[in-house]
């Protein structure tokens, strides 16, 4: 049997540790931990030692605690790990939470693409969440595709929008330089001031954490025309899989359909850098308020995928309370 222990920052550097493992980095990175701490969550990091006393997994969860009830949430869970490891890790993880004294509720999100074997072990040791935080669906875009083939698989309306957008000759830049970060921040500030849909877009300090996190493969794409910032996206690379973490387009950018040419140029860039696909990191078929965003993400002929989804552990009472909390917050 292996064992889960608390992360000791005096012994290990977190960035190096998570890069040495084949787990999802998007929600285990320093940026996400810092952001959740700012929002009042207490972060806990566990590392798993196998029978050979080698670290083979990490588990990050965020907690909000009261006198009688503790709510624990792990947005990445054990995503990215092979199902052969999953059973023993789940058995030992349940022991950690079973030994806690107060009424505890643990929710785990698995953002791996649906796998029957993983679902079997998740079902064996956990319960499906009754009320979910996300839809469990996303769109995976094939970047190993010729530009002409990409146009062919788009609908006539979307293809026309993309072609018109490309005519606007928007200047697209990729990377993490100070100049690119500044332009990205300009887009974010304009977007916030225009008071569009309120997504939690990162501040400059948080952008720095994202770009310097893990193995420093994360990057920004930003578009300008005549030095006017129009559109941006923050891409996180986890296990060689680019993830579309944040994006925003200003009102001037929307007039030019900048987001279409942004994704088109992003696909080209990823192909040139030997990435086979990227994940839009979520669509919401049950939420009419963001149906336009879903249609945009689906416009590029991607494959709709289903994640393994949300799971929970706790007594019947704690599960009822935990799901009620989520329901009231939605």
C-alpha atoms as a PDB file:
ATOM      1  CA  UNK A   1       0.000   0.000   0.000  1.00  0.00           C
ATOM      2  CA  UNK A   2       1.124   3.544  -0.730  1.00  0.00           C
ATOM      3  CA  UNK A   3       0.252   6.630   1.273  1.00  0.00           C
ATOM      4  CA  UNK A   4      -0.968  10.212   0.857  1.00  0.00           C
ATOM      5  CA  UNK A   5       1.006  12.876   2.732  1.00  0.00           C
ATOM      6  CA  UNK A   6       0.723  16.646   2.933  1.00  0.00           C
ATOM      7  CA  UNK A   7       2.916  18.552   0.509  1.00  0.00           C
ATOM      8  CA  UNK A   8       6.054  19.923   2.153  1.00  0.00           C
ATOM      9  CA  UNK A   9       7.161  23.090   0.355  1.00  0.00           C
ATOM     10  CA  UNK A  10      10.524  22.924   2.148  1.00  0.00           C
ATOM     11  CA  UNK A  11      11.329  19.623   0.454  1.00  0.00           C
ATOM     12  CA  UNK A  12       9.768  20.039  -2.981  1.00  0.00           C
ATOM     13  CA  UNK A  13       9.188  22.734  -5.575  1.00  0.00           C
ATOM     14  CA  UNK A  14       5.549  22.453  -6.647  1.00  0.00           C
ATOM     15  CA  UNK A  15       6.132  23.467 -10.283  1.00  0.00           C
ATOM     16  CA  UNK A  16       8.812  20.820 -10.755  1.00  0.00           C
ATOM     17  CA  UNK A  17       6.752  18.198  -8.987  1.00  0.00           C
ATOM     18  CA  UNK A  18       3.608  18.524 -11.084  1.00  0.00           C
ATOM     19  CA  UNK A  19       5.649  18.704 -14.295  1.00  0.00           C
ATOM     20  CA  UNK A  20       7.237  15.363 -13.447  1.00  0.00           C
ATOM     21  CA  UNK A  21       3.804  13.684 -13.331  1.00  0.00           C
ATOM     22  CA  UNK A  22       1.291  12.986 -16.096  1.00  0.00           C
ATOM     23  CA  UNK A  23      -1.577  14.815 -14.443  1.00  0.00           C
ATOM     24  CA  UNK A  24      -3.708  17.717 -15.562  1.00  0.00           C
ATOM     25  CA  UNK A  25      -1.985  21.000 -14.689  1.00  0.00           C
ATOM     26  CA  UNK A  26      -4.785  23.481 -15.452  1.00  0.00           C
ATOM     27  CA  UNK A  27      -6.294  23.379 -11.963  1.00  0.00           C
ATOM     28  CA  UNK A  28      -3.253  22.197 -10.016  1.00  0.00           C
ATOM     29  CA  UNK A  29      -1.040  25.158 -10.900  1.00  0.00           C
ATOM     30  CA  UNK A  30       0.147  27.953  -8.598  1.00  0.00           C
ATOM     31  CA  UNK A  31      -2.097  30.451 -10.386  1.00  0.00           C
ATOM     32  CA  UNK A  32      -5.273  28.527  -9.603  1.00  0.00           C
ATOM     33  CA  UNK A  33      -4.197  27.940  -6.010  1.00  0.00           C
ATOM     34  CA  UNK A  34      -3.484  31.659  -5.569  1.00  0.00           C
ATOM     35  CA  UNK A  35      -6.809  32.657  -7.137  1.00  0.00           C
ATOM     36  CA  UNK A  36      -8.865  30.330  -4.913  1.00  0.00           C
ATOM     37  CA  UNK A  37      -7.007  31.498  -1.804  1.00  0.00           C
ATOM     38  CA  UNK A  38      -7.959  35.091  -2.686  1.00  0.00           C
ATOM     39  CA  UNK A  39     -11.593  33.986  -2.929  1.00  0.00           C
ATOM     40  CA  UNK A  40     -11.595  32.588   0.583  1.00  0.00           C
ATOM     41  CA  UNK A  41     -10.791  28.937  -0.082  1.00  0.00           C
ATOM     42  CA  UNK A  42      -8.234  27.047   1.972  1.00  0.00           C
ATOM     43  CA  UNK A  43      -5.942  25.052  -0.309  1.00  0.00           C
ATOM     44  CA  UNK A  44      -4.559  21.629   0.635  1.00  0.00           C
ATOM     45  CA  UNK A  45      -2.027  19.694  -1.416  1.00  0.00           C
ATOM     46  CA  UNK A  46      -1.428  15.973  -1.020  1.00  0.00           C
ATOM     47  CA  UNK A  47       1.347  13.930  -2.618  1.00  0.00           C
ATOM     48  CA  UNK A  48       1.187  10.160  -3.017  1.00  0.00           C
ATOM     49  CA  UNK A  49       4.099   7.825  -2.367  1.00  0.00           C
ATOM     50  CA  UNK A  50       3.907   4.385  -3.975  1.00  0.00           C
ATOM     51  CA  UNK A  51       5.320   1.138  -2.557  1.00  0.00           C
ATOM     52  CA  UNK A  52       8.795   2.138  -3.755  1.00  0.00           C
ATOM     53  CA  UNK A  53       8.505   5.433  -1.838  1.00  0.00           C
ATOM     54  CA  UNK A  54       8.349   7.365  -5.132  1.00  0.00           C
ATOM     55  CA  UNK A  55       5.914  10.219  -5.741  1.00  0.00           C
ATOM     56  CA  UNK A  56       3.446   9.111  -8.431  1.00  0.00           C
ATOM     57  CA  UNK A  57       0.440  11.459  -7.981  1.00  0.00           C
ATOM     58  CA  UNK A  58      -0.755  14.711  -6.440  1.00  0.00           C
ATOM     59  CA  UNK A  59      -4.188  15.725  -5.247  1.00  0.00           C
ATOM     60  CA  UNK A  60      -5.186  19.371  -4.783  1.00  0.00           C
ATOM     61  CA  UNK A  61      -8.418  20.312  -3.068  1.00  0.00           C
ATOM     62  CA  UNK A  62      -9.964  23.515  -1.777  1.00  0.00           C
ATOM     63  CA  UNK A  63     -11.991  23.756   1.412  1.00  0.00           C
ATOM     64  CA  UNK A  64     -14.510  25.992   3.099  1.00  0.00           C
ATOM     65  CA  UNK A  65     -15.030  24.994   6.695  1.00  0.00           C
ATOM     66  CA  UNK A  66     -17.592  25.711   9.369  1.00  0.00           C
ATOM     67  CA  UNK A  67     -18.100  24.432  12.895  1.00  0.00           C
ATOM     68  CA  UNK A  68     -20.138  21.405  11.807  1.00  0.00           C
ATOM     69  CA  UNK A  69     -19.580  20.983   8.072  1.00  0.00           C
ATOM     70  CA  UNK A  70     -16.537  20.998   5.777  1.00  0.00           C
ATOM     71  CA  UNK A  71     -16.920  21.376   2.017  1.00  0.00           C
ATOM     72  CA  UNK A  72     -13.948  20.099  -0.043  1.00  0.00           C
ATOM     73  CA  UNK A  73     -13.650  20.513  -3.798  1.00  0.00           C
ATOM     74  CA  UNK A  74     -11.016  19.213  -6.215  1.00  0.00           C
ATOM     75  CA  UNK A  75     -11.502  20.738  -9.706  1.00  0.00           C
ATOM     76  CA  UNK A  76      -8.862  18.479 -11.328  1.00  0.00           C
ATOM     77  CA  UNK A  77      -9.133  15.442  -9.078  1.00  0.00           C
ATOM     78  CA  UNK A  78      -6.960  12.600 -10.321  1.00  0.00           C
ATOM     79  CA  UNK A  79      -7.326  13.590 -13.979  1.00  0.00           C
ATOM     80  CA  UNK A  80      -4.595  12.436 -16.334  1.00  0.00           C
ATOM     81  CA  UNK A  81      -3.688   9.282 -14.437  1.00  0.00           C
ATOM     82  CA  UNK A  82      -4.002   5.819 -16.042  1.00  0.00           C
ATOM     83  CA  UNK A  83      -6.920   3.757 -14.798  1.00  0.00           C
ATOM     84  CA  UNK A  84      -4.503   1.056 -13.584  1.00  0.00           C
ATOM     85  CA  UNK A  85      -3.400   3.462 -10.802  1.00  0.00           C
ATOM     86  CA  UNK A  86      -6.803   4.915 -10.099  1.00  0.00           C
ATOM     87  CA  UNK A  87      -8.214   2.175  -7.859  1.00  0.00           C
ATOM     88  CA  UNK A  88      -5.447   2.135  -5.251  1.00  0.00           C
ATOM     89  CA  UNK A  89      -5.263   5.945  -5.209  1.00  0.00           C
ATOM     90  CA  UNK A  90      -9.013   6.204  -4.593  1.00  0.00           C
ATOM     91  CA  UNK A  91      -8.943   3.593  -1.825  1.00  0.00           C
ATOM     92  CA  UNK A  92      -6.186   5.440  -0.003  1.00  0.00           C
ATOM     93  CA  UNK A  93      -7.741   8.853  -0.640  1.00  0.00           C
ATOM     94  CA  UNK A  94     -11.021   7.761   0.920  1.00  0.00           C
ATOM     95  CA  UNK A  95      -9.106   6.766   4.058  1.00  0.00           C
ATOM     96  CA  UNK A  96      -7.725  10.304   4.350  1.00  0.00           C
ATOM     97  CA  UNK A  97     -11.198  11.845   4.341  1.00  0.00           C
ATOM     98  CA  UNK A  98     -12.825   9.036   6.349  1.00  0.00           C
ATOM     99  CA  UNK A  99     -10.451   9.729   9.241  1.00  0.00           C
ATOM    100  CA  UNK A 100     -11.442  13.403   9.454  1.00  0.00           C
ATOM    101  CA  UNK A 101     -13.567  14.064  12.536  1.00  0.00           C
ATOM    102  CA  UNK A 102     -16.194  16.537  11.315  1.00  0.00           C
ATOM    103  CA  UNK A 103     -18.962  16.107   8.778  1.00  0.00           C
ATOM    104  CA  UNK A 104     -17.056  16.223   5.478  1.00  0.00           C
ATOM    105  CA  UNK A 105     -18.126  16.388   1.865  1.00  0.00           C
ATOM    106  CA  UNK A 106     -15.644  15.852  -0.971  1.00  0.00           C
ATOM    107  CA  UNK A 107     -16.408  16.657  -4.614  1.00  0.00           C
ATOM    108  CA  UNK A 108     -13.971  15.531  -7.306  1.00  0.00           C
ATOM    109  CA  UNK A 109     -14.053  16.688 -10.922  1.00  0.00           C
ATOM    110  CA  UNK A 110     -12.450  14.367 -13.495  1.00  0.00           C
ATOM    111  CA  UNK A 111     -11.704  16.250 -16.711  1.00  0.00           C
ATOM    112  CA  UNK A 112     -10.337  13.275 -18.608  1.00  0.00           C
ATOM    113  CA  UNK A 113     -12.131  12.390 -21.799  1.00  0.00           C
ATOM    114  CA  UNK A 114     -14.730   9.695 -21.046  1.00  0.00           C
ATOM    115  CA  UNK A 115     -13.132   6.316 -20.372  1.00  0.00           C
ATOM    116  CA  UNK A 116     -15.214   3.283 -19.353  1.00  0.00           C
ATOM    117  CA  UNK A 117     -12.380   1.782 -17.310  1.00  0.00           C
ATOM    118  CA  UNK A 118     -11.866   4.980 -15.305  1.00  0.00           C
ATOM    119  CA  UNK A 119     -15.601   5.399 -14.847  1.00  0.00           C
ATOM    120  CA  UNK A 120     -15.780   1.859 -13.481  1.00  0.00           C
ATOM    121  CA  UNK A 121     -13.299   2.596 -10.691  1.00  0.00           C
ATOM    122  CA  UNK A 122     -14.788   6.020  -9.991  1.00  0.00           C
ATOM    123  CA  UNK A 123     -18.221   4.396  -9.689  1.00  0.00           C
ATOM    124  CA  UNK A 124     -16.814   1.687  -7.426  1.00  0.00           C
ATOM    125  CA  UNK A 125     -15.479   4.084  -4.801  1.00  0.00           C
ATOM    126  CA  UNK A 126     -17.393   7.335  -5.294  1.00  0.00           C
ATOM    127  CA  UNK A 127     -20.917   8.516  -6.066  1.00  0.00           C
ATOM    128  CA  UNK A 128     -22.044  10.512  -9.068  1.00  0.00           C
ATOM    129  CA  UNK A 129     -22.744  14.120  -8.111  1.00  0.00           C
ATOM    130  CA  UNK A 130     -26.451  14.911  -8.029  1.00  0.00           C
ATOM    131  CA  UNK A 131     -26.093  18.636  -8.797  1.00  0.00           C
ATOM    132  CA  UNK A 132     -23.236  19.437 -11.170  1.00  0.00           C
ATOM    133  CA  UNK A 133     -21.066  22.534 -11.455  1.00  0.00           C
ATOM    134  CA  UNK A 134     -20.416  22.075 -15.179  1.00  0.00           C
ATOM    135  CA  UNK A 135     -22.046  20.305 -18.107  1.00  0.00           C
ATOM    136  CA  UNK A 136     -19.270  17.733 -18.500  1.00  0.00           C
ATOM    137  CA  UNK A 137     -19.029  18.477 -22.234  1.00  0.00           C
ATOM    138  CA  UNK A 138     -16.328  20.182 -24.256  1.00  0.00           C
ATOM    139  CA  UNK A 139     -15.076  20.562 -27.828  1.00  0.00           C
ATOM    140  CA  UNK A 140     -11.755  19.172 -28.996  1.00  0.00           C
ATOM    141  CA  UNK A 141     -10.355  20.800 -32.124  1.00  0.00           C
ATOM    142  CA  UNK A 142      -8.119  18.904 -34.527  1.00  0.00           C
ATOM    143  CA  UNK A 143      -5.167  21.191 -35.293  1.00  0.00           C
ATOM    144  CA  UNK A 144      -3.539  18.734 -37.692  1.00  0.00           C
ATOM    145  CA  UNK A 145      -5.750  19.934 -40.501  1.00  0.00           C
ATOM    146  CA  UNK A 146      -5.200  21.911 -43.678  1.00  0.00           C
ATOM    147  CA  UNK A 147      -6.691  25.430 -43.690  1.00  0.00           C
ATOM    148  CA  UNK A 148      -8.818  24.636 -46.756  1.00  0.00           C
ATOM    149  CA  UNK A 149     -10.160  21.495 -45.089  1.00  0.00           C
ATOM    150  CA  UNK A 150     -11.029  23.539 -42.022  1.00  0.00           C
ATOM    151  CA  UNK A 151     -13.078  25.936 -44.128  1.00  0.00           C
ATOM    152  CA  UNK A 152     -14.895  23.029 -45.791  1.00  0.00           C
ATOM    153  CA  UNK A 153     -16.140  21.557 -42.525  1.00  0.00           C
ATOM    154  CA  UNK A 154     -17.512  24.892 -41.292  1.00  0.00           C
ATOM    155  CA  UNK A 155     -21.101  25.870 -42.017  1.00  0.00           C
ATOM    156  CA  UNK A 156     -21.648  28.395 -44.813  1.00  0.00           C
ATOM    157  CA  UNK A 157     -22.533  31.153 -42.338  1.00  0.00           C
ATOM    158  CA  UNK A 158     -19.500  30.532 -40.092  1.00  0.00           C
ATOM    159  CA  UNK A 159     -17.187  30.152 -43.067  1.00  0.00           C
ATOM    160  CA  UNK A 160     -18.327  33.525 -44.412  1.00  0.00           C
ATOM    161  CA  UNK A 161     -17.771  35.136 -40.982  1.00  0.00           C
ATOM    162  CA  UNK A 162     -14.256  33.733 -40.789  1.00  0.00           C
ATOM    163  CA  UNK A 163     -13.331  34.880 -44.299  1.00  0.00           C
ATOM    164  CA  UNK A 164     -14.619  38.377 -43.583  1.00  0.00           C
ATOM    165  CA  UNK A 165     -12.653  38.436 -40.344  1.00  0.00           C
ATOM    166  CA  UNK A 166      -9.441  37.397 -42.103  1.00  0.00           C
ATOM    167  CA  UNK A 167      -9.859  40.312 -44.529  1.00  0.00           C
ATOM    168  CA  UNK A 168      -9.517  42.747 -41.620  1.00  0.00           C
ATOM    169  CA  UNK A 169      -5.792  41.974 -41.386  1.00  0.00           C
ATOM    170  CA  UNK A 170      -5.669  41.837 -37.604  1.00  0.00           C
ATOM    171  CA  UNK A 171      -2.141  41.469 -36.246  1.00  0.00           C
ATOM    172  CA  UNK A 172      -1.862  38.314 -34.130  1.00  0.00           C
ATOM    173  CA  UNK A 173       0.969  37.731 -31.676  1.00  0.00           C
ATOM    174  CA  UNK A 174       1.837  34.657 -29.628  1.00  0.00           C
ATOM    175  CA  UNK A 175       3.988  34.266 -26.543  1.00  0.00           C
ATOM    176  CA  UNK A 176       4.547  35.581 -23.038  1.00  0.00           C
ATOM    177  CA  UNK A 177       6.671  38.711 -23.505  1.00  0.00           C
ATOM    178  CA  UNK A 178       5.968  41.875 -21.493  1.00  0.00           C
ATOM    179  CA  UNK A 179       4.571  43.549 -24.613  1.00  0.00           C
ATOM    180  CA  UNK A 180       2.129  40.708 -25.267  1.00  0.00           C
ATOM    181  CA  UNK A 181       1.076  40.577 -21.613  1.00  0.00           C
ATOM    182  CA  UNK A 182       0.418  44.336 -21.679  1.00  0.00           C
ATOM    183  CA  UNK A 183      -1.750  44.068 -24.800  1.00  0.00           C
ATOM    184  CA  UNK A 184      -3.603  41.154 -23.230  1.00  0.00           C
ATOM    185  CA  UNK A 185      -4.268  43.238 -20.116  1.00  0.00           C
ATOM    186  CA  UNK A 186      -5.500  46.088 -22.310  1.00  0.00           C
ATOM    187  CA  UNK A 187      -8.089  43.762 -23.877  1.00  0.00           C
ATOM    188  CA  UNK A 188      -9.164  42.553 -20.423  1.00  0.00           C
ATOM    189  CA  UNK A 189      -9.554  46.068 -19.037  1.00  0.00           C
ATOM    190  CA  UNK A 190     -11.573  47.259 -22.053  1.00  0.00           C
ATOM    191  CA  UNK A 191     -13.720  44.137 -21.859  1.00  0.00           C
ATOM    192  CA  UNK A 192     -14.428  44.628 -18.147  1.00  0.00           C
ATOM    193  CA  UNK A 193     -15.250  48.306 -18.624  1.00  0.00           C
ATOM    194  CA  UNK A 194     -17.734  47.454 -21.351  1.00  0.00           C
ATOM    195  CA  UNK A 195     -19.543  45.235 -18.814  1.00  0.00           C
ATOM    196  CA  UNK A 196     -20.191  42.216 -20.955  1.00  0.00           C
ATOM    197  CA  UNK A 197     -20.754  38.701 -19.582  1.00  0.00           C
ATOM    198  CA  UNK A 198     -18.853  38.620 -16.284  1.00  0.00           C
ATOM    199  CA  UNK A 199     -16.201  35.943 -16.538  1.00  0.00           C
ATOM    200  CA  UNK A 200     -13.419  35.841 -13.966  1.00  0.00           C
ATOM    201  CA  UNK A 201     -10.615  37.161 -16.152  1.00  0.00           C
ATOM    202  CA  UNK A 202      -7.117  37.210 -14.642  1.00  0.00           C
ATOM    203  CA  UNK A 203      -5.306  40.262 -13.294  1.00  0.00           C
ATOM    204  CA  UNK A 204      -1.750  41.080 -14.434  1.00  0.00           C
ATOM    205  CA  UNK A 205      -0.168  39.382 -11.413  1.00  0.00           C
ATOM    206  CA  UNK A 206      -2.247  36.283 -12.105  1.00  0.00           C
ATOM    207  CA  UNK A 207      -1.241  36.302 -15.770  1.00  0.00           C
ATOM    208  CA  UNK A 208       2.388  36.310 -14.659  1.00  0.00           C
ATOM    209  CA  UNK A 209       1.714  33.247 -12.501  1.00  0.00           C
ATOM    210  CA  UNK A 210       0.046  31.423 -15.399  1.00  0.00           C
ATOM    211  CA  UNK A 211       2.850  32.171 -17.856  1.00  0.00           C
ATOM    212  CA  UNK A 212       5.612  31.254 -15.410  1.00  0.00           C
ATOM    213  CA  UNK A 213       3.891  28.178 -14.060  1.00  0.00           C
ATOM    214  CA  UNK A 214       4.840  24.554 -14.552  1.00  0.00           C
ATOM    215  CA  UNK A 215       7.156  24.031 -17.547  1.00  0.00           C
ATOM    216  CA  UNK A 216       6.471  27.510 -19.008  1.00  0.00           C
ATOM    217  CA  UNK A 217       4.687  26.241 -22.113  1.00  0.00           C
ATOM    218  CA  UNK A 218       1.634  28.401 -21.407  1.00  0.00           C
ATOM    219  CA  UNK A 219       1.155  31.366 -23.721  1.00  0.00           C
ATOM    220  CA  UNK A 220      -1.109  34.193 -24.858  1.00  0.00           C
ATOM    221  CA  UNK A 221      -2.528  34.984 -28.281  1.00  0.00           C
ATOM    222  CA  UNK A 222      -3.521  38.630 -28.687  1.00  0.00           C
ATOM    223  CA  UNK A 223      -4.841  40.559 -31.680  1.00  0.00           C
ATOM    224  CA  UNK A 224      -4.559  44.268 -32.464  1.00  0.00           C
ATOM    225  CA  UNK A 225      -5.285  46.538 -35.410  1.00  0.00           C
ATOM    226  CA  UNK A 226      -3.630  49.939 -35.706  1.00  0.00           C
ATOM    227  CA  UNK A 227      -2.392  49.328 -32.139  1.00  0.00           C
ATOM    228  CA  UNK A 228      -5.958  48.986 -30.868  1.00  0.00           C
ATOM    229  CA  UNK A 229      -6.366  45.817 -28.725  1.00  0.00           C
ATOM    230  CA  UNK A 230      -9.207  43.620 -29.957  1.00  0.00           C
ATOM    231  CA  UNK A 231      -9.070  40.046 -28.698  1.00  0.00           C
ATOM    232  CA  UNK A 232      -7.049  37.676 -26.511  1.00  0.00           C
ATOM    233  CA  UNK A 233      -6.896  34.120 -25.246  1.00  0.00           C
ATOM    234  CA  UNK A 234      -4.785  32.470 -22.547  1.00  0.00           C
ATOM    235  CA  UNK A 235      -3.663  28.945 -23.438  1.00  0.00           C
ATOM    236  CA  UNK A 236      -2.479  26.489 -20.791  1.00  0.00           C
ATOM    237  CA  UNK A 237      -0.557  23.434 -21.968  1.00  0.00           C
ATOM    238  CA  UNK A 238      -1.140  20.343 -19.803  1.00  0.00           C
ATOM    239  CA  UNK A 239       0.472  17.015 -20.729  1.00  0.00           C
ATOM    240  CA  UNK A 240       1.157  18.426 -24.182  1.00  0.00           C
ATOM    241  CA  UNK A 241      -2.557  19.251 -24.488  1.00  0.00           C
ATOM    242  CA  UNK A 242      -3.363  22.970 -25.079  1.00  0.00           C
ATOM    243  CA  UNK A 243      -6.381  24.167 -23.109  1.00  0.00           C
ATOM    244  CA  UNK A 244      -8.393  27.311 -23.931  1.00  0.00           C
ATOM    245  CA  UNK A 245      -8.405  28.718 -20.389  1.00  0.00           C
ATOM    246  CA  UNK A 246      -9.548  32.349 -20.856  1.00  0.00           C
ATOM    247  CA  UNK A 247     -10.644  34.504 -23.779  1.00  0.00           C
ATOM    248  CA  UNK A 248     -12.144  37.948 -24.319  1.00  0.00           C
ATOM    249  CA  UNK A 249     -13.015  40.182 -27.278  1.00  0.00           C
ATOM    250  CA  UNK A 250     -13.793  43.898 -27.095  1.00  0.00           C
ATOM    251  CA  UNK A 251     -16.793  45.509 -28.799  1.00  0.00           C
ATOM    252  CA  UNK A 252     -14.516  46.732 -31.617  1.00  0.00           C
ATOM    253  CA  UNK A 253     -13.148  43.218 -31.922  1.00  0.00           C
ATOM    254  CA  UNK A 254     -16.636  41.769 -32.209  1.00  0.00           C
ATOM    255  CA  UNK A 255     -17.447  44.155 -35.054  1.00  0.00           C
ATOM    256  CA  UNK A 256     -14.474  42.619 -36.890  1.00  0.00           C
ATOM    257  CA  UNK A 257     -15.358  39.054 -35.767  1.00  0.00           C
ATOM    258  CA  UNK A 258     -11.850  38.952 -34.300  1.00  0.00           C
ATOM    259  CA  UNK A 259     -12.474  35.810 -32.252  1.00  0.00           C
ATOM    260  CA  UNK A 260     -12.941  33.805 -35.482  1.00  0.00           C
ATOM    261  CA  UNK A 261      -9.616  34.793 -36.974  1.00  0.00           C
ATOM    262  CA  UNK A 262      -8.029  34.353 -33.534  1.00  0.00           C
ATOM    263  CA  UNK A 263      -8.993  30.689 -33.328  1.00  0.00           C
ATOM    264  CA  UNK A 264      -8.085  30.184 -36.998  1.00  0.00           C
ATOM    265  CA  UNK A 265      -4.596  31.594 -36.349  1.00  0.00           C
ATOM    266  CA  UNK A 266      -4.334  29.652 -33.096  1.00  0.00           C
ATOM    267  CA  UNK A 267      -5.001  26.390 -34.946  1.00  0.00           C
ATOM    268  CA  UNK A 268      -2.260  27.258 -37.447  1.00  0.00           C
ATOM    269  CA  UNK A 269       0.169  28.158 -34.661  1.00  0.00           C
ATOM    270  CA  UNK A 270      -0.498  24.942 -32.740  1.00  0.00           C
ATOM    271  CA  UNK A 271      -0.037  22.861 -35.875  1.00  0.00           C
ATOM    272  CA  UNK A 272       3.289  24.548 -36.582  1.00  0.00           C
ATOM    273  CA  UNK A 273       4.368  23.733 -33.021  1.00  0.00           C
ATOM    274  CA  UNK A 274       3.411  20.047 -33.349  1.00  0.00           C
ATOM    275  CA  UNK A 275       0.274  20.044 -31.201  1.00  0.00           C
ATOM    276  CA  UNK A 276      -2.343  17.661 -32.604  1.00  0.00           C
ATOM    277  CA  UNK A 277      -5.429  19.214 -31.002  1.00  0.00           C
ATOM    278  CA  UNK A 278      -6.663  21.578 -28.325  1.00  0.00           C
ATOM    279  CA  UNK A 279      -9.525  21.550 -25.882  1.00  0.00           C
ATOM    280  CA  UNK A 280     -11.946  24.483 -25.642  1.00  0.00           C
ATOM    281  CA  UNK A 281     -12.370  23.452 -21.975  1.00  0.00           C
ATOM    282  CA  UNK A 282     -16.111  23.344 -21.782  1.00  0.00           C
ATOM    283  CA  UNK A 283     -19.421  24.018 -23.469  1.00  0.00           C
ATOM    284  CA  UNK A 284     -22.766  24.444 -21.727  1.00  0.00           C
ATOM    285  CA  UNK A 285     -25.653  22.893 -23.671  1.00  0.00           C
ATOM    286  CA  UNK A 286     -28.017  23.427 -20.704  1.00  0.00           C
ATOM    287  CA  UNK A 287     -27.366  27.170 -20.322  1.00  0.00           C
ATOM    288  CA  UNK A 288     -29.112  29.370 -22.882  1.00  0.00           C
ATOM    289  CA  UNK A 289     -27.258  32.459 -21.591  1.00  0.00           C
ATOM    290  CA  UNK A 290     -24.015  31.221 -23.216  1.00  0.00           C
ATOM    291  CA  UNK A 291     -25.486  29.445 -26.247  1.00  0.00           C
ATOM    292  CA  UNK A 292     -23.713  31.922 -28.544  1.00  0.00           C
ATOM    293  CA  UNK A 293     -20.345  30.953 -27.062  1.00  0.00           C
ATOM    294  CA  UNK A 294     -21.159  27.276 -27.584  1.00  0.00           C
ATOM    295  CA  UNK A 295     -22.063  27.893 -31.230  1.00  0.00           C
ATOM    296  CA  UNK A 296     -18.772  29.728 -31.694  1.00  0.00           C
ATOM    297  CA  UNK A 297     -16.753  26.877 -30.201  1.00  0.00           C
ATOM    298  CA  UNK A 298     -18.615  24.351 -32.340  1.00  0.00           C
ATOM    299  CA  UNK A 299     -18.104  26.407 -35.512  1.00  0.00           C
ATOM    300  CA  UNK A 300     -14.643  24.978 -36.209  1.00  0.00           C
ATOM    301  CA  UNK A 301     -15.805  21.416 -36.779  1.00  0.00           C
ATOM    302  CA  UNK A 302     -14.447  20.040 -33.518  1.00  0.00           C
ATOM    303  CA  UNK A 303     -15.436  16.815 -31.826  1.00  0.00           C
ATOM    304  CA  UNK A 304     -17.843  17.064 -28.900  1.00  0.00           C
ATOM    305  CA  UNK A 305     -16.338  15.126 -26.009  1.00  0.00           C
ATOM    306  CA  UNK A 306     -17.737  14.062 -22.670  1.00  0.00           C
ATOM    307  CA  UNK A 307     -15.561  14.215 -19.567  1.00  0.00           C
ATOM    308  CA  UNK A 308     -15.683  11.564 -16.857  1.00  0.00           C
ATOM    309  CA  UNK A 309     -17.394  14.262 -14.851  1.00  0.00           C
ATOM    310  CA  UNK A 310     -18.139  15.075 -11.225  1.00  0.00           C
ATOM    311  CA  UNK A 311     -18.052  12.641  -8.316  1.00  0.00           C
ATOM    312  CA  UNK A 312     -18.480  12.899  -4.569  1.00  0.00           C
ATOM    313  CA  UNK A 313     -17.706  11.167  -1.305  1.00  0.00           C
ATOM    314  CA  UNK A 314     -19.287  11.502   2.113  1.00  0.00           C
ATOM    315  CA  UNK A 315     -22.177  10.321   4.249  1.00  0.00           C
ATOM    316  CA  UNK A 316     -25.709  10.627   2.907  1.00  0.00           C
ATOM    317  CA  UNK A 317     -26.264  13.698   5.093  1.00  0.00           C
ATOM    318  CA  UNK A 318     -23.058  15.423   3.961  1.00  0.00           C
ATOM    319  CA  UNK A 319     -23.849  14.670   0.310  1.00  0.00           C
ATOM    320  CA  UNK A 320     -27.323  16.186   0.648  1.00  0.00           C
ATOM    321  CA  UNK A 321     -25.879  19.313   2.300  1.00  0.00           C
ATOM    322  CA  UNK A 322     -23.063  19.562  -0.266  1.00  0.00           C
ATOM    323  CA  UNK A 323     -25.411  19.320  -3.236  1.00  0.00           C
ATOM    324  CA  UNK A 324     -27.834  21.777  -1.658  1.00  0.00           C
ATOM    325  CA  UNK A 325     -25.011  24.326  -1.295  1.00  0.00           C
ATOM    326  CA  UNK A 326     -24.141  23.961  -4.973  1.00  0.00           C
ATOM    327  CA  UNK A 327     -27.783  24.172  -6.047  1.00  0.00           C
ATOM    328  CA  UNK A 328     -28.326  27.405  -4.101  1.00  0.00           C
ATOM    329  CA  UNK A 329     -25.175  28.959  -5.626  1.00  0.00           C
ATOM    330  CA  UNK A 330     -26.066  28.164  -9.239  1.00  0.00           C
END
